């Protein structure tokens, strides 16, 4: 859908999108996002540390901003 909207690299913003994912599904989707959307900035808003732990385990580079 992103490619249909624009040829530019648009950011992807996910707000608590994975709240009901188990660890396996969360790992799979974070790995998928990392491999399929390398040209996009992906912003994940969450109130847990699950994503951070999985990104660390997968050795995926990211910036963490806590508010």
N, C-alpha and C. Protein backbone atom coordinates (compact mmCIF):
# COMPACT_ATOMS: atom_id res chain seq x y z
N UNK A 1 0.82 -1.18 0.00
CA UNK A 1 0.00 0.00 0.00
C UNK A 1 0.87 1.25 0.00
N UNK A 2 1.99 1.19 0.71
CA UNK A 2 2.88 2.35 0.75
C UNK A 2 3.36 2.74 -0.64
N UNK A 3 3.70 1.74 -1.44
CA UNK A 3 4.19 2.00 -2.79
C UNK A 3 3.10 2.59 -3.67
N UNK A 4 1.85 2.27 -3.40
CA UNK A 4 0.73 2.81 -4.15
C UNK A 4 0.50 4.28 -3.83
N UNK A 5 0.75 4.67 -2.58
CA UNK A 5 0.52 6.05 -2.16
C UNK A 5 1.57 7.00 -2.68
N UNK A 6 2.83 6.56 -2.68
CA UNK A 6 3.91 7.46 -3.04
C UNK A 6 5.15 6.67 -3.40
N UNK A 7 5.95 7.23 -4.27
CA UNK A 7 7.24 6.62 -4.61
C UNK A 7 8.29 6.97 -3.56
N UNK A 8 7.99 7.96 -2.71
CA UNK A 8 8.90 8.34 -1.64
C UNK A 8 8.86 7.31 -0.52
N UNK A 9 9.92 7.30 0.26
CA UNK A 9 9.99 6.42 1.42
C UNK A 9 9.23 7.08 2.57
N UNK A 10 8.06 6.56 2.88
CA UNK A 10 7.21 7.15 3.91
C UNK A 10 7.43 6.45 5.24
N UNK A 11 7.29 7.17 6.36
CA UNK A 11 7.43 6.51 7.66
C UNK A 11 6.22 5.62 7.97
N UNK A 12 6.48 4.61 8.76
CA UNK A 12 5.43 3.71 9.23
C UNK A 12 5.30 3.94 10.73
N UNK A 13 4.11 4.31 11.19
CA UNK A 13 3.89 4.58 12.61
C UNK A 13 2.93 3.54 13.16
N UNK A 14 3.40 2.81 14.18
CA UNK A 14 2.61 1.74 14.78
C UNK A 14 2.43 2.05 16.27
N UNK A 15 1.20 2.31 16.67
CA UNK A 15 0.89 2.67 18.06
C UNK A 15 0.22 1.48 18.74
N UNK A 16 0.94 0.82 19.63
CA UNK A 16 0.44 -0.36 20.35
C UNK A 16 -0.13 -1.41 19.39
N UNK A 17 0.47 -1.52 18.23
CA UNK A 17 -0.03 -2.44 17.20
C UNK A 17 0.16 -3.91 17.57
N UNK A 18 1.09 -4.19 18.48
CA UNK A 18 1.42 -5.58 18.79
C UNK A 18 0.99 -5.98 20.20
N UNK A 19 0.07 -5.27 20.78
CA UNK A 19 -0.34 -5.49 22.17
C UNK A 19 -0.84 -6.91 22.42
N UNK A 20 -1.48 -7.52 21.44
CA UNK A 20 -2.04 -8.86 21.64
C UNK A 20 -1.23 -9.96 20.96
N UNK A 21 -0.02 -9.62 20.50
CA UNK A 21 0.84 -10.62 19.87
C UNK A 21 1.57 -11.42 20.94
N UNK A 22 1.70 -12.72 20.71
CA UNK A 22 2.55 -13.51 21.60
C UNK A 22 4.01 -13.29 21.16
N UNK A 23 4.95 -13.84 21.91
CA UNK A 23 6.38 -13.60 21.65
C UNK A 23 6.80 -14.06 20.25
N UNK A 24 6.29 -15.19 19.82
CA UNK A 24 6.67 -15.72 18.50
C UNK A 24 6.16 -14.81 17.38
N UNK A 25 4.91 -14.40 17.45
CA UNK A 25 4.36 -13.51 16.42
C UNK A 25 5.06 -12.16 16.42
N UNK A 26 5.35 -11.65 17.62
CA UNK A 26 6.04 -10.37 17.72
C UNK A 26 7.44 -10.45 17.11
N UNK A 27 8.14 -11.51 17.40
CA UNK A 27 9.47 -11.73 16.82
C UNK A 27 9.38 -11.78 15.30
N UNK A 28 8.42 -12.53 14.79
CA UNK A 28 8.25 -12.67 13.33
C UNK A 28 7.94 -11.34 12.67
N UNK A 29 7.04 -10.55 13.25
CA UNK A 29 6.65 -9.29 12.61
C UNK A 29 7.78 -8.26 12.67
N UNK A 30 8.51 -8.22 13.77
CA UNK A 30 9.63 -7.28 13.86
C UNK A 30 10.73 -7.65 12.86
N UNK A 31 10.97 -8.93 12.71
CA UNK A 31 11.95 -9.39 11.73
C UNK A 31 11.47 -9.06 10.31
N UNK A 32 10.20 -9.28 10.04
CA UNK A 32 9.62 -8.96 8.73
C UNK A 32 9.73 -7.46 8.43
N UNK A 33 9.35 -6.63 9.37
CA UNK A 33 9.44 -5.18 9.16
C UNK A 33 10.87 -4.76 8.88
N UNK A 34 11.81 -5.35 9.58
CA UNK A 34 13.22 -5.02 9.40
C UNK A 34 13.72 -5.41 8.01
N UNK A 35 13.28 -6.54 7.51
CA UNK A 35 13.78 -7.00 6.21
C UNK A 35 13.03 -6.38 5.02
N UNK A 36 11.73 -6.14 5.16
CA UNK A 36 10.93 -5.67 4.04
C UNK A 36 10.84 -4.16 3.90
N UNK A 37 11.13 -3.43 4.95
CA UNK A 37 10.95 -1.97 4.92
C UNK A 37 12.21 -1.23 5.35
N UNK A 38 13.35 -1.65 4.81
CA UNK A 38 14.63 -1.04 5.16
C UNK A 38 14.70 0.43 4.77
N UNK A 39 13.98 0.83 3.76
CA UNK A 39 14.01 2.21 3.28
C UNK A 39 13.06 3.13 4.04
N UNK A 40 12.25 2.57 4.91
CA UNK A 40 11.27 3.35 5.66
C UNK A 40 11.70 3.54 7.10
N UNK A 41 11.36 4.66 7.66
CA UNK A 41 11.51 4.85 9.09
C UNK A 41 10.29 4.20 9.75
N UNK A 42 10.54 3.36 10.74
CA UNK A 42 9.45 2.68 11.44
C UNK A 42 9.44 3.18 12.88
N UNK A 43 8.31 3.75 13.28
CA UNK A 43 8.16 4.28 14.63
C UNK A 43 7.18 3.38 15.36
N UNK A 44 7.65 2.78 16.46
CA UNK A 44 6.81 1.88 17.25
C UNK A 44 6.57 2.55 18.60
N UNK A 45 5.31 2.82 18.89
CA UNK A 45 4.92 3.39 20.18
C UNK A 45 4.37 2.26 21.03
N UNK A 46 4.91 2.10 22.23
CA UNK A 46 4.49 1.01 23.10
C UNK A 46 4.74 1.38 24.56
N UNK A 47 4.05 0.70 25.45
CA UNK A 47 4.25 0.93 26.88
C UNK A 47 4.95 -0.25 27.54
N UNK A 48 5.48 -1.18 26.72
CA UNK A 48 6.19 -2.34 27.26
C UNK A 48 7.63 -2.35 26.74
N UNK A 49 8.41 -3.28 27.26
CA UNK A 49 9.80 -3.46 26.80
C UNK A 49 9.96 -4.69 25.91
N UNK A 50 8.86 -5.35 25.57
CA UNK A 50 8.94 -6.58 24.77
C UNK A 50 9.62 -6.34 23.43
N UNK A 51 9.23 -5.28 22.75
CA UNK A 51 9.81 -4.99 21.44
C UNK A 51 11.31 -4.75 21.55
N UNK A 52 11.70 -3.99 22.56
CA UNK A 52 13.12 -3.69 22.77
C UNK A 52 13.92 -4.97 22.99
N UNK A 53 13.42 -5.87 23.83
CA UNK A 53 14.12 -7.12 24.11
C UNK A 53 14.26 -7.97 22.86
N UNK A 54 13.21 -8.04 22.07
CA UNK A 54 13.26 -8.85 20.85
C UNK A 54 14.19 -8.23 19.82
N UNK A 55 14.14 -6.91 19.66
CA UNK A 55 15.05 -6.25 18.73
C UNK A 55 16.51 -6.47 19.14
N UNK A 56 16.78 -6.44 20.44
CA UNK A 56 18.13 -6.74 20.93
C UNK A 56 18.53 -8.17 20.60
N UNK A 57 17.63 -9.11 20.85
CA UNK A 57 17.91 -10.53 20.56
C UNK A 57 18.16 -10.77 19.08
N UNK A 58 17.43 -10.06 18.23
CA UNK A 58 17.58 -10.20 16.77
C UNK A 58 18.75 -9.39 16.23
N UNK A 59 19.37 -8.60 17.12
CA UNK A 59 20.49 -7.72 16.74
C UNK A 59 20.09 -6.74 15.64
N UNK A 60 18.88 -6.20 15.78
CA UNK A 60 18.38 -5.18 14.86
C UNK A 60 18.69 -3.82 15.45
N UNK A 61 19.32 -2.98 14.66
CA UNK A 61 19.68 -1.64 15.12
C UNK A 61 18.44 -0.76 15.22
N UNK A 62 18.34 0.00 16.31
CA UNK A 62 17.20 0.89 16.52
C UNK A 62 17.59 2.01 17.46
N UNK A 63 16.78 3.03 17.49
CA UNK A 63 16.92 4.12 18.45
C UNK A 63 15.76 4.03 19.43
N UNK A 64 16.07 4.09 20.72
CA UNK A 64 15.04 3.99 21.75
C UNK A 64 14.89 5.36 22.40
N UNK A 65 13.67 5.88 22.41
CA UNK A 65 13.38 7.14 23.05
C UNK A 65 12.30 6.88 24.10
N UNK A 66 12.62 7.17 25.35
CA UNK A 66 11.65 6.98 26.43
C UNK A 66 11.06 8.32 26.83
N UNK A 67 9.77 8.34 27.07
CA UNK A 67 9.11 9.56 27.48
C UNK A 67 8.50 9.39 28.84
